[in-house]
Each structure stands twice: as structure tokens, then as C-alpha cells.
């Protein structure tokens, strides 16, 4: 089975045909179990602007005040989740939309390693029982990265980390991270430093900055927890996902 992290940059307009989601639908209809975890950074940024709330990033994570969290939750578990679920249903997929907090999929705690960044969660425990039940019933689960801690406080989770954690818990054959870059680079932004394949210990020894930090952390956590392989691709081109589903392209970590 495959876990796909779908980036918010690829979100289709409601009612508009989307070749990437069509690829996922075709793959699922062919009898391949899939779990889709989505982000929504561009949609959150747009909604924050409407509300006059400043966007602030720190260490690759969104600083999430209570006011910001209300917008994040509304966008991720509302607009983005429903758009993806509706689109896949339109392509003949038996899709089910969930939040990371549902069915004890993920329990989180306030993140402290990145400094004071507000209501941002670090994954504490994972229970994929609900996902296994849905997969056995031939559903395609779609998961938004809104978590909850032991007190019932909602938390903004990084979608890459959620995908990695669930991929590990499910012992996925492959976790595919759809991003807005071609893969993992040794020396970003040097395009010639793209890594085609690397093992996890070599990756662990490298140093990265900003947005690549959560992706590398998620890739390593997925492998450490039991996933067989991870692939980071540029999800803006559907052909890259088609290749990844065949075990090709981007950066493979195993």
C-alpha cells in the first residue's frame, strides 16, 4: 500500500478536472490501497490575508496563534479536505475525509523544539486501526493534518510529518511526498545537487534548512517506523506522480 502526501499547491479548483487526482483514482480503482494526507499552505496564506492576519514561519513551521489556528483548521479540515474528497468521489473513488485527530489516528503534544511557535503539534502516538478498517472496506482515506493533544486542544500538524507517521504505522511499501521541488538537494538551490537515491543513515547525517527540514524529518520517521521506502517528487507535474507510482523519479530514500 502507498501513502501519498498531497501538497496544497496542487489543489484543484472545485469542478475542474485534475489529472493528478485522476491518476490517484485510477491507481486506487486498479485495486491498490492508498491513503492520502494533504497540506494546504497556499490556501491558509490566502485566508489569513483575507482576515488581516500576518503569516509567520519559523524553522520551517507556521507560527500558530489561537487566531491563526482557527483559520488553519477551517481551511484544512474544511475547504481543502472537502474539495479533495468531493473530487475523488467524482472520479469514482469511495473516499472518506478525516482529520488526524479522528479515531486516535494521531495524538500530539505542543512542539517545543522549534521555539515558541504556538499551537503547533509534535506527533506523540499513532494508531492506524481506523485506517486499516477503512482500507479493508475498500475506502480511500483522506487525512487533514489537524491533531489534538491529551487535553482536547486542537493543534496544527505538519502534513509531511503526519504522512510519515501514518506511512510508518501502516508499514507502507512507499510514502510519496508531493512537493514544489524536484526532490532533496545536497546544496539547495543548486539544481545540480539533486539526490536521486540515498539511504536513511546518509540522509540523517546531512544538514538542511527551512522548508526541507520537516520533509527530511518525516521521511526518516516513516522509515524508522516501518515504511519500506520514501520518495520526494515535484507534485506540480502529474507525470512525476505517475513515475513515482511505478517506483521511479525524484529522490528515493530507503
Protein backbone atom coordinates (compact mmCIF):
# COMPACT_ATOMS: atom_id res chain seq x y z
CA UNK A 1 0.00 0.00 0.00
CA UNK A 2 1.04 3.58 -0.62
CA UNK A 3 0.70 6.78 1.42
CA UNK A 4 0.71 9.98 -0.63
CA UNK A 5 1.28 13.42 0.83
CA UNK A 6 -0.59 15.80 -1.46
CA UNK A 7 0.64 19.38 -1.34
CA UNK A 8 -1.77 22.31 -1.16
CA UNK A 9 -0.11 23.86 -4.22
CA UNK A 10 -1.71 21.10 -6.33
CA UNK A 11 -5.28 21.58 -5.04
CA UNK A 12 -7.74 21.77 -7.97
CA UNK A 13 -10.49 24.33 -8.35
CA UNK A 14 -13.88 22.81 -7.45
CA UNK A 15 -15.44 21.22 -10.52
CA UNK A 16 -12.25 21.49 -12.61
CA UNK A 17 -10.71 18.27 -13.98
CA UNK A 18 -7.44 17.42 -12.22
CA UNK A 19 -5.00 14.95 -13.83
CA UNK A 20 -3.13 14.27 -10.58
CA UNK A 21 -6.26 13.22 -8.70
CA UNK A 22 -7.34 11.24 -11.76
CA UNK A 23 -4.05 9.33 -11.56
CA UNK A 24 -4.64 8.56 -7.88
CA UNK A 25 -8.21 7.48 -8.66
CA UNK A 26 -7.07 5.20 -11.47
CA UNK A 27 -4.39 3.66 -9.26
CA UNK A 28 -6.97 3.03 -6.50
CA UNK A 29 -9.53 1.60 -8.93
CA UNK A 30 -6.87 -0.87 -10.09
CA UNK A 31 -7.02 -2.44 -6.63
CA UNK A 32 -4.12 -0.62 -4.96
CA UNK A 33 -4.78 0.63 -1.41
CA UNK A 34 -3.97 4.32 -0.93
CA UNK A 35 -4.03 6.77 1.97
CA UNK A 36 -3.90 10.45 1.04
CA UNK A 37 -2.60 13.07 3.51
CA UNK A 38 -2.92 16.68 2.39
CA UNK A 39 -1.41 20.04 3.19
CA UNK A 40 -2.79 23.46 2.34
CA UNK A 41 -0.17 26.17 2.82
CA UNK A 42 -1.22 28.40 -0.10
CA UNK A 43 -4.90 28.18 0.87
CA UNK A 44 -4.09 29.06 4.50
CA UNK A 45 -1.96 32.02 3.41
CA UNK A 46 -4.79 33.33 1.22
CA UNK A 47 -7.36 33.02 4.02
CA UNK A 48 -5.03 34.65 6.58
CA UNK A 49 -4.63 37.61 4.23
CA UNK A 50 -8.41 37.97 3.99
CA UNK A 51 -8.60 38.07 7.80
CA UNK A 52 -5.69 40.50 8.05
CA UNK A 53 -3.52 38.01 9.97
CA UNK A 54 0.22 38.08 9.34
CA UNK A 55 1.90 34.93 8.05
CA UNK A 56 4.96 33.94 10.08
CA UNK A 57 7.20 30.90 9.56
CA UNK A 58 9.93 29.71 11.92
CA UNK A 59 12.25 26.76 11.31
CA UNK A 60 10.02 25.51 8.50
CA UNK A 61 6.88 25.57 10.70
CA UNK A 62 3.94 28.01 10.74
CA UNK A 63 3.71 30.11 13.89
CA UNK A 64 0.15 29.35 15.01
CA UNK A 65 -1.58 31.71 17.41
CA UNK A 66 -5.12 30.78 18.56
CA UNK A 67 -6.44 33.22 15.95
CA UNK A 68 -4.29 31.63 13.25
CA UNK A 69 -5.31 28.12 14.34
CA UNK A 70 -8.99 28.92 13.76
CA UNK A 71 -8.17 29.77 10.16
CA UNK A 72 -5.84 26.78 9.72
CA UNK A 73 -8.48 24.35 11.00
CA UNK A 74 -11.21 25.90 8.86
CA UNK A 75 -9.09 25.66 5.71
CA UNK A 76 -7.51 22.23 6.23
CA UNK A 77 -10.39 20.24 7.71
CA UNK A 78 -12.98 22.22 5.76
CA UNK A 79 -12.14 23.71 2.38
CA UNK A 80 -9.19 21.54 1.36
CA UNK A 81 -10.38 18.23 2.81
CA UNK A 82 -13.85 18.54 1.30
CA UNK A 83 -12.52 19.66 -2.10
CA UNK A 84 -10.26 16.61 -2.34
CA UNK A 85 -12.94 14.22 -1.06
CA UNK A 86 -15.56 15.56 -3.47
CA UNK A 87 -13.15 15.47 -6.41
CA UNK A 88 -12.12 11.85 -5.81
CA UNK A 89 -15.74 10.78 -5.33
CA UNK A 90 -16.39 12.38 -8.72
CA UNK A 91 -13.68 10.13 -10.18
CA UNK A 92 -15.39 7.01 -8.87
CA UNK A 93 -13.40 6.63 -5.65
CA UNK A 94 -15.02 5.59 -2.35
CA UNK A 95 -13.26 8.40 -0.49
CA UNK A 96 -13.63 9.27 3.21
CA UNK A 97 -12.39 12.54 4.73
CA UNK A 98 -10.85 12.54 8.21
CA UNK A 99 -8.81 14.76 10.48
CA UNK A 100 -5.65 13.43 12.14
CA UNK A 101 -7.44 13.66 15.49
CA UNK A 102 -10.22 11.25 14.43
CA UNK A 103 -10.20 7.68 15.70
CA UNK A 104 -6.99 8.32 17.65
CA UNK A 105 -5.05 8.34 14.38
CA UNK A 106 -2.63 10.84 15.87
CA UNK A 107 -2.24 12.23 19.35
CA UNK A 108 0.11 15.18 19.63
CA UNK A 109 1.76 17.49 22.10
CA UNK A 110 2.83 21.11 21.80
CA UNK A 111 6.07 21.38 19.83
CA UNK A 112 8.92 22.98 21.75
CA UNK A 113 11.95 22.04 19.65
CA UNK A 114 11.38 24.92 17.18
CA UNK A 115 10.99 27.60 19.84
CA UNK A 116 7.75 29.39 20.73
CA UNK A 117 5.51 28.76 17.72
CA UNK A 118 2.12 28.47 19.39
CA UNK A 119 -0.43 25.75 18.67
CA UNK A 120 1.85 23.56 16.57
CA UNK A 121 1.92 19.87 17.39
CA UNK A 122 4.63 17.25 17.56
CA UNK A 123 3.31 13.74 16.98
CA UNK A 124 3.18 11.73 20.20
CA UNK A 125 1.36 8.49 19.34
CA UNK A 126 -0.11 6.91 16.20
CA UNK A 127 -2.91 4.35 15.94
CA UNK A 128 -3.73 3.26 12.37
CA UNK A 129 -6.53 0.85 13.35
CA UNK A 130 -9.20 3.09 11.78
CA UNK A 131 -7.20 3.37 8.56
CA UNK A 132 -6.78 -0.41 8.39
CA UNK A 133 -10.54 -0.84 8.82
CA UNK A 134 -11.26 1.66 6.06
CA UNK A 135 -8.68 0.14 3.72
CA UNK A 136 -10.10 -3.33 4.32
CA UNK A 137 -13.51 -1.92 3.37
CA UNK A 138 -12.08 -0.62 0.05
CA UNK A 139 -12.23 3.04 1.05
CA UNK A 140 -9.60 5.65 0.25
CA UNK A 141 -8.97 7.68 3.44
CA UNK A 142 -8.05 11.35 3.05
CA UNK A 143 -6.46 12.85 6.17
CA UNK A 144 -6.08 16.52 7.10
CA UNK A 145 -3.21 17.47 9.48
CA UNK A 146 -5.29 18.83 12.35
CA UNK A 147 -4.39 16.99 15.55
CA UNK A 148 -5.32 17.12 19.21
CA UNK A 149 -3.45 16.75 22.49
CA UNK A 150 -4.47 14.82 25.61
CA UNK A 151 -6.43 17.81 26.95
CA UNK A 152 -8.55 18.20 23.82
CA UNK A 153 -6.62 21.20 22.48
CA UNK A 154 -6.51 21.21 18.69
CA UNK A 155 -3.05 21.54 17.15
CA UNK A 156 -1.69 22.42 13.72
CA UNK A 157 0.40 19.48 12.50
CA UNK A 158 2.89 19.44 9.66
CA UNK A 159 1.33 17.35 6.87
CA UNK A 160 4.69 15.82 5.93
CA UNK A 161 5.13 14.54 9.47
CA UNK A 162 1.59 13.14 9.55
CA UNK A 163 2.15 11.33 6.24
CA UNK A 164 5.44 9.93 7.51
CA UNK A 165 3.94 8.77 10.80
CA UNK A 166 0.94 7.10 9.18
CA UNK A 167 3.12 5.55 6.47
CA UNK A 168 5.34 4.05 9.13
CA UNK A 169 2.40 2.81 11.18
CA UNK A 170 0.91 1.13 8.12
CA UNK A 171 4.28 -0.35 7.05
CA UNK A 172 3.66 1.27 3.67
CA UNK A 173 5.52 -0.02 0.63
CA UNK A 174 6.15 3.60 -0.31
CA UNK A 175 5.43 7.05 1.10
CA UNK A 176 5.34 9.66 -1.68
CA UNK A 177 5.84 13.31 -0.74
CA UNK A 178 4.47 15.64 -3.43
CA UNK A 179 6.29 18.97 -3.05
CA UNK A 180 7.09 22.02 -5.17
CA UNK A 181 10.71 20.96 -5.80
CA UNK A 182 12.16 18.03 -7.75
CA UNK A 183 13.39 16.18 -4.66
CA UNK A 184 16.03 16.58 -1.94
CA UNK A 185 19.09 18.67 -2.79
CA UNK A 186 22.51 18.43 -1.17
CA UNK A 187 23.07 22.17 -1.67
CA UNK A 188 19.81 24.00 -2.36
CA UNK A 189 19.26 25.96 -4.62
CA UNK A 190 21.98 24.31 -6.75
CA UNK A 191 19.79 22.28 -9.16
CA UNK A 192 22.78 20.07 -9.96
CA UNK A 193 22.87 18.81 -6.37
CA UNK A 194 19.60 16.85 -6.64
CA UNK A 195 19.91 13.45 -4.94
CA UNK A 196 18.32 10.59 -6.92
CA UNK A 197 18.77 7.90 -4.24
CA UNK A 198 20.14 7.82 -0.70
CA UNK A 199 19.94 5.59 2.35
CA UNK A 200 18.47 6.90 5.57
CA UNK A 201 21.71 6.98 7.57
CA UNK A 202 23.44 9.11 4.90
CA UNK A 203 20.40 11.41 4.85
CA UNK A 204 20.40 11.62 8.64
CA UNK A 205 23.99 12.88 8.57
CA UNK A 206 23.13 15.84 6.30
CA UNK A 207 22.03 19.35 7.34
CA UNK A 208 19.06 21.16 5.83
CA UNK A 209 17.28 24.49 6.21
CA UNK A 210 13.71 25.84 6.35
CA UNK A 211 11.01 24.00 4.38
CA UNK A 212 13.11 20.90 3.69
CA UNK A 213 13.53 20.19 7.43
CA UNK A 214 10.02 18.73 8.02
CA UNK A 215 10.25 16.67 4.80
CA UNK A 216 13.55 15.07 5.78
CA UNK A 217 12.31 14.53 9.35
CA UNK A 218 9.11 12.95 8.01
CA UNK A 219 10.99 10.71 5.58
CA UNK A 220 13.28 9.43 8.31
CA UNK A 221 10.44 8.91 10.79
CA UNK A 222 8.46 6.93 8.19
CA UNK A 223 11.39 4.62 7.54
CA UNK A 224 12.24 4.30 11.24
CA UNK A 225 8.62 3.36 12.00
CA UNK A 226 8.37 0.65 9.34
CA UNK A 227 7.79 2.08 5.85
CA UNK A 228 9.82 0.34 3.16
CA UNK A 229 10.78 3.41 1.12
CA UNK A 230 10.13 7.11 0.70
CA UNK A 231 10.11 9.18 -2.48
CA UNK A 232 10.13 13.00 -2.69
CA UNK A 233 8.89 14.38 -6.01
CA UNK A 234 7.75 17.61 -7.66
CA UNK A 235 4.00 17.13 -7.46
CA UNK A 236 3.17 20.02 -9.78
CA UNK A 237 3.59 17.76 -12.82
CA UNK A 238 1.26 14.72 -12.98
CA UNK A 239 3.83 12.67 -14.88
CA UNK A 240 6.10 12.79 -11.82
CA UNK A 241 3.43 11.10 -9.73
CA UNK A 242 2.85 8.53 -12.49
CA UNK A 243 6.56 7.69 -12.39
CA UNK A 244 6.60 7.59 -8.58
CA UNK A 245 3.72 5.10 -8.53
CA UNK A 246 5.96 2.90 -10.67
CA UNK A 247 8.92 3.39 -8.30
CA UNK A 248 10.80 5.98 -10.36
CA UNK A 249 11.85 9.65 -10.22
CA UNK A 250 12.52 12.28 -7.57
CA UNK A 251 14.62 11.35 -4.56
CA UNK A 252 14.27 7.83 -3.20
CA UNK A 253 15.21 7.15 0.44
CA UNK A 254 15.40 3.54 1.57
